[in-house]
Amino acid sequence: MPQLNPAPWFAILVFSWLVFLIIIPAKVMSHISPNEPATMDSKKHKTESWDWPWQ
């Protein structure tokens, strides 16, 4: 049965893992987000308690 011969399938497995571990992360990490996150001001927002009408 040809499925039991590991020679071609092992090379395909190794090359596919090389692509997944080396090439794809490098391409993904090279992208720059068009909308960089803005820094928020450090002042606290005033929160008010909510008066429940039934209590």
PDB file of N, CA and C in Angstrom:
ATOM      1  N   MET A   1       0.838  -1.185   0.000  1.00  0.00           N
ATOM      2  CA  MET A   1       0.000   0.000   0.000  1.00  0.00           C
ATOM      3  C   MET A   1       0.882   1.248   0.000  1.00  0.00           C
ATOM      4  N   PRO A   2       0.627   2.216  -0.852  1.00  0.00           N
ATOM      5  CA  PRO A   2       1.510   3.383  -0.952  1.00  0.00           C
ATOM      6  C   PRO A   2       1.421   4.318   0.258  1.00  0.00           C
ATOM      7  N   GLN A   3       0.347   4.242   1.050  1.00  0.00           N
ATOM      8  CA  GLN A   3       0.234   5.125   2.202  1.00  0.00           C
ATOM      9  C   GLN A   3       1.256   4.770   3.281  1.00  0.00           C
ATOM     10  N   LEU A   4       1.762   3.565   3.276  1.00  0.00           N
ATOM     11  CA  LEU A   4       2.699   3.143   4.310  1.00  0.00           C
ATOM     12  C   LEU A   4       4.126   3.577   4.024  1.00  0.00           C
ATOM     13  N   ASN A   5       4.403   4.106   2.840  1.00  0.00           N
ATOM     14  CA  ASN A   5       5.735   4.575   2.511  1.00  0.00           C
ATOM     15  C   ASN A   5       5.879   6.004   3.062  1.00  0.00           C
ATOM     16  N   PRO A   6       6.676   6.210   4.122  1.00  0.00           N
ATOM     17  CA  PRO A   6       6.719   7.530   4.758  1.00  0.00           C
ATOM     18  C   PRO A   6       7.628   8.535   4.058  1.00  0.00           C
ATOM     19  N   ALA A   7       8.370   8.109   3.055  1.00  0.00           N
ATOM     20  CA  ALA A   7       9.365   9.008   2.460  1.00  0.00           C
ATOM     21  C   ALA A   7       8.763  10.284   1.860  1.00  0.00           C
ATOM     22  N   PRO A   8       7.785  10.232   0.960  1.00  0.00           N
ATOM     23  CA  PRO A   8       7.293  11.503   0.409  1.00  0.00           C
ATOM     24  C   PRO A   8       6.454  12.286   1.412  1.00  0.00           C
ATOM     25  N   TRP A   9       5.713  11.610   2.266  1.00  0.00           N
ATOM     26  CA  TRP A   9       4.811  12.300   3.178  1.00  0.00           C
ATOM     27  C   TRP A   9       5.574  12.981   4.304  1.00  0.00           C
ATOM     28  N   PHE A  10       6.689  12.396   4.704  1.00  0.00           N
ATOM     29  CA  PHE A  10       7.483  13.043   5.751  1.00  0.00           C
ATOM     30  C   PHE A  10       8.090  14.345   5.239  1.00  0.00           C
ATOM     31  N   ALA A  11       8.550  14.364   3.997  1.00  0.00           N
ATOM     32  CA  ALA A  11       9.101  15.598   3.426  1.00  0.00           C
ATOM     33  C   ALA A  11       8.014  16.662   3.296  1.00  0.00           C
ATOM     34  N   ILE A  12       6.804  16.261   2.896  1.00  0.00           N
ATOM     35  CA  ILE A  12       5.693  17.210   2.809  1.00  0.00           C
ATOM     36  C   ILE A  12       5.361  17.761   4.189  1.00  0.00           C
ATOM     37  N   LEU A  13       5.370  16.910   5.188  1.00  0.00           N
ATOM     38  CA  LEU A  13       5.103  17.345   6.563  1.00  0.00           C
ATOM     39  C   LEU A  13       6.155  18.338   7.037  1.00  0.00           C
ATOM     40  N   VAL A  14       7.410  18.053   6.795  1.00  0.00           N
ATOM     41  CA  VAL A  14       8.486  18.933   7.249  1.00  0.00           C
ATOM     42  C   VAL A  14       8.425  20.278   6.534  1.00  0.00           C
ATOM     43  N   PHE A  15       8.229  20.276   5.246  1.00  0.00           N
ATOM     44  CA  PHE A  15       8.171  21.540   4.500  1.00  0.00           C
ATOM     45  C   PHE A  15       6.940  22.363   4.868  1.00  0.00           C
ATOM     46  N   SER A  16       5.814  21.697   5.108  1.00  0.00           N
ATOM     47  CA  SER A  16       4.627  22.453   5.507  1.00  0.00           C
ATOM     48  C   SER A  16       4.814  23.078   6.884  1.00  0.00           C
ATOM     49  N   TRP A  17       5.476  22.372   7.806  1.00  0.00           N
ATOM     50  CA  TRP A  17       5.742  22.969   9.121  1.00  0.00           C
ATOM     51  C   TRP A  17       6.749  24.102   9.023  1.00  0.00           C
ATOM     52  N   LEU A  18       7.702  23.998   8.127  1.00  0.00           N
ATOM     53  CA  LEU A  18       8.625  25.113   7.926  1.00  0.00           C
ATOM     54  C   LEU A  18       7.887  26.348   7.428  1.00  0.00           C
ATOM     55  N   VAL A  19       6.944  26.145   6.546  1.00  0.00           N
ATOM     56  CA  VAL A  19       6.142  27.277   6.061  1.00  0.00           C
ATOM     57  C   VAL A  19       5.330  27.866   7.200  1.00  0.00           C
ATOM     58  N   PHE A  20       4.681  27.022   7.988  1.00  0.00           N
ATOM     59  CA  PHE A  20       3.844  27.514   9.077  1.00  0.00           C
ATOM     60  C   PHE A  20       4.647  28.202  10.174  1.00  0.00           C
ATOM     61  N   LEU A  21       5.860  27.743  10.442  1.00  0.00           N
ATOM     62  CA  LEU A  21       6.632  28.275  11.561  1.00  0.00           C
ATOM     63  C   LEU A  21       7.580  29.403  11.195  1.00  0.00           C
ATOM     64  N   ILE A  22       7.956  29.530   9.938  1.00  0.00           N
ATOM     65  CA  ILE A  22       8.950  30.540   9.554  1.00  0.00           C
ATOM     66  C   ILE A  22       8.364  31.593   8.620  1.00  0.00           C
ATOM     67  N   ILE A  23       7.749  31.172   7.548  1.00  0.00           N
ATOM     68  CA  ILE A  23       7.344  32.124   6.511  1.00  0.00           C
ATOM     69  C   ILE A  23       6.071  32.873   6.891  1.00  0.00           C
ATOM     70  N   ILE A  24       5.043  32.160   7.320  1.00  0.00           N
ATOM     71  CA  ILE A  24       3.760  32.814   7.613  1.00  0.00           C
ATOM     72  C   ILE A  24       3.863  33.791   8.786  1.00  0.00           C
ATOM     73  N   PRO A  25       4.484  33.452   9.946  1.00  0.00           N
ATOM     74  CA  PRO A  25       4.577  34.456  11.011  1.00  0.00           C
ATOM     75  C   PRO A  25       5.362  35.694  10.606  1.00  0.00           C
ATOM     76  N   ALA A  26       6.385  35.531   9.791  1.00  0.00           N
ATOM     77  CA  ALA A  26       7.155  36.701   9.352  1.00  0.00           C
ATOM     78  C   ALA A  26       6.294  37.611   8.490  1.00  0.00           C
ATOM     79  N   LYS A  27       5.466  37.044   7.629  1.00  0.00           N
ATOM     80  CA  LYS A  27       4.595  37.853   6.780  1.00  0.00           C
ATOM     81  C   LYS A  27       3.495  38.526   7.605  1.00  0.00           C
ATOM     82  N   VAL A  28       2.959  37.827   8.578  1.00  0.00           N
ATOM     83  CA  VAL A  28       1.893  38.401   9.391  1.00  0.00           C
ATOM     84  C   VAL A  28       2.431  39.518  10.279  1.00  0.00           C
ATOM     85  N   MET A  29       3.590  39.312  10.869  1.00  0.00           N
ATOM     86  CA  MET A  29       4.138  40.316  11.790  1.00  0.00           C
ATOM     87  C   MET A  29       4.678  41.542  11.053  1.00  0.00           C
ATOM     88  N   SER A  30       4.878  41.454   9.748  1.00  0.00           N
ATOM     89  CA  SER A  30       5.391  42.609   9.014  1.00  0.00           C
ATOM     90  C   SER A  30       4.296  43.619   8.686  1.00  0.00           C
ATOM     91  N   HIS A  31       3.042  43.238   8.843  1.00  0.00           N
ATOM     92  CA  HIS A  31       1.945  44.159   8.561  1.00  0.00           C
ATOM     93  C   HIS A  31       1.839  45.210   9.659  1.00  0.00           C
ATOM     94  N   ILE A  32       1.484  46.420   9.258  1.00  0.00           N
ATOM     95  CA  ILE A  32       1.315  47.526  10.193  1.00  0.00           C
ATOM     96  C   ILE A  32      -0.155  47.893  10.223  1.00  0.00           C
ATOM     97  N   SER A  33      -0.666  48.064  11.412  1.00  0.00           N
ATOM     98  CA  SER A  33      -2.070  48.425  11.551  1.00  0.00           C
ATOM     99  C   SER A  33      -2.278  49.865  11.109  1.00  0.00           C
ATOM    100  N   PRO A  34      -3.301  50.138  10.291  1.00  0.00           N
ATOM    101  CA  PRO A  34      -3.520  51.514   9.847  1.00  0.00           C
ATOM    102  C   PRO A  34      -4.039  52.424  10.966  1.00  0.00           C
ATOM    103  N   ASN A  35      -4.653  51.852  11.974  1.00  0.00           N
ATOM    104  CA  ASN A  35      -5.190  52.634  13.084  1.00  0.00           C
ATOM    105  C   ASN A  35      -4.445  52.265  14.359  1.00  0.00           C
ATOM    106  N   GLU A  36      -3.431  53.033  14.668  1.00  0.00           N
ATOM    107  CA  GLU A  36      -2.688  52.775  15.891  1.00  0.00           C
ATOM    108  C   GLU A  36      -3.542  53.178  17.094  1.00  0.00           C
ATOM    109  N   PRO A  37      -3.469  52.439  18.188  1.00  0.00           N
ATOM    110  CA  PRO A  37      -4.294  52.785  19.345  1.00  0.00           C
ATOM    111  C   PRO A  37      -3.859  54.114  19.960  1.00  0.00           C
ATOM    112  N   ALA A  38      -4.825  54.927  20.282  1.00  0.00           N
ATOM    113  CA  ALA A  38      -4.541  56.229  20.876  1.00  0.00           C
ATOM    114  C   ALA A  38      -4.426  56.076  22.392  1.00  0.00           C
ATOM    115  N   THR A  39      -3.565  56.880  22.989  1.00  0.00           N
ATOM    116  CA  THR A  39      -3.436  56.842  24.437  1.00  0.00           C
ATOM    117  C   THR A  39      -4.602  57.588  25.064  1.00  0.00           C
ATOM    118  N   MET A  40      -5.118  57.025  26.141  1.00  0.00           N
ATOM    119  CA  MET A  40      -6.239  57.659  26.823  1.00  0.00           C
ATOM    120  C   MET A  40      -5.712  58.603  27.894  1.00  0.00           C
ATOM    121  N   ASP A  41      -6.486  59.629  28.168  1.00  0.00           N
ATOM    122  CA  ASP A  41      -6.062  60.566  29.206  1.00  0.00           C
ATOM    123  C   ASP A  41      -6.151  59.878  30.570  1.00  0.00           C
ATOM    124  N   SER A  42      -5.333  60.347  31.483  1.00  0.00           N
ATOM    125  CA  SER A  42      -5.201  59.649  32.757  1.00  0.00           C
ATOM    126  C   SER A  42      -6.217  60.094  33.799  1.00  0.00           C
ATOM    127  N   LYS A  43      -7.050  61.077  33.499  1.00  0.00           N
ATOM    128  CA  LYS A  43      -8.027  61.506  34.506  1.00  0.00           C
ATOM    129  C   LYS A  43      -9.143  60.480  34.611  1.00  0.00           C
ATOM    130  N   LYS A  44      -9.663  60.368  35.822  1.00  0.00           N
ATOM    131  CA  LYS A  44     -10.715  59.399  36.081  1.00  0.00           C
ATOM    132  C   LYS A  44     -12.052  59.936  35.601  1.00  0.00           C
ATOM    133  N   HIS A  45     -12.849  59.047  35.085  1.00  0.00           N
ATOM    134  CA  HIS A  45     -14.192  59.424  34.686  1.00  0.00           C
ATOM    135  C   HIS A  45     -15.093  59.401  35.915  1.00  0.00           C
ATOM    136  N   LYS A  46     -15.941  60.398  36.028  1.00  0.00           N
ATOM    137  CA  LYS A  46     -16.825  60.467  37.179  1.00  0.00           C
ATOM    138  C   LYS A  46     -18.010  59.538  36.945  1.00  0.00           C
ATOM    139  N   THR A  47     -18.179  58.603  37.847  1.00  0.00           N
ATOM    140  CA  THR A  47     -19.320  57.706  37.763  1.00  0.00           C
ATOM    141  C   THR A  47     -20.273  58.044  38.884  1.00  0.00           C
ATOM    142  N   GLU A  48     -21.529  58.048  38.572  1.00  0.00           N
ATOM    143  CA  GLU A  48     -22.548  58.358  39.568  1.00  0.00           C
ATOM    144  C   GLU A  48     -23.379  57.112  39.813  1.00  0.00           C
ATOM    145  N   SER A  49     -23.847  56.996  41.060  1.00  0.00           N
ATOM    146  CA  SER A  49     -24.677  55.847  41.383  1.00  0.00           C
ATOM    147  C   SER A  49     -26.053  56.025  40.763  1.00  0.00           C
ATOM    148  N   TRP A  50     -26.686  54.919  40.530  1.00  0.00           N
ATOM    149  CA  TRP A  50     -27.985  54.937  39.895  1.00  0.00           C
ATOM    150  C   TRP A  50     -29.047  54.654  40.952  1.00  0.00           C
ATOM    151  N   ASP A  51     -29.962  55.581  41.126  1.00  0.00           N
ATOM    152  CA  ASP A  51     -31.020  55.392  42.117  1.00  0.00           C
ATOM    153  C   ASP A  51     -32.115  54.536  41.504  1.00  0.00           C
ATOM    154  N   TRP A  52     -32.308  53.379  42.106  1.00  0.00           N
ATOM    155  CA  TRP A  52     -33.342  52.483  41.605  1.00  0.00           C
ATOM    156  C   TRP A  52     -34.697  52.997  42.099  1.00  0.00           C
ATOM    157  N   PRO A  53     -35.691  53.094  41.256  1.00  0.00           N
ATOM    158  CA  PRO A  53     -36.957  53.689  41.671  1.00  0.00           C
ATOM    159  C   PRO A  53     -37.762  52.805  42.633  1.00  0.00           C
ATOM    160  N   TRP A  54     -37.505  51.507  42.699  1.00  0.00           N
ATOM    161  CA  TRP A  54     -38.324  50.644  43.550  1.00  0.00           C
ATOM    162  C   TRP A  54     -37.679  50.349  44.900  1.00  0.00           C
ATOM    163  N   GLN A  55     -36.575  50.988  45.214  1.00  0.00           N
ATOM    164  CA  GLN A  55     -35.964  50.741  46.527  1.00  0.00           C
ATOM    165  C   GLN A  55     -36.008  51.970  47.375  1.00  0.00           C
TER     166      GLN A  55
END
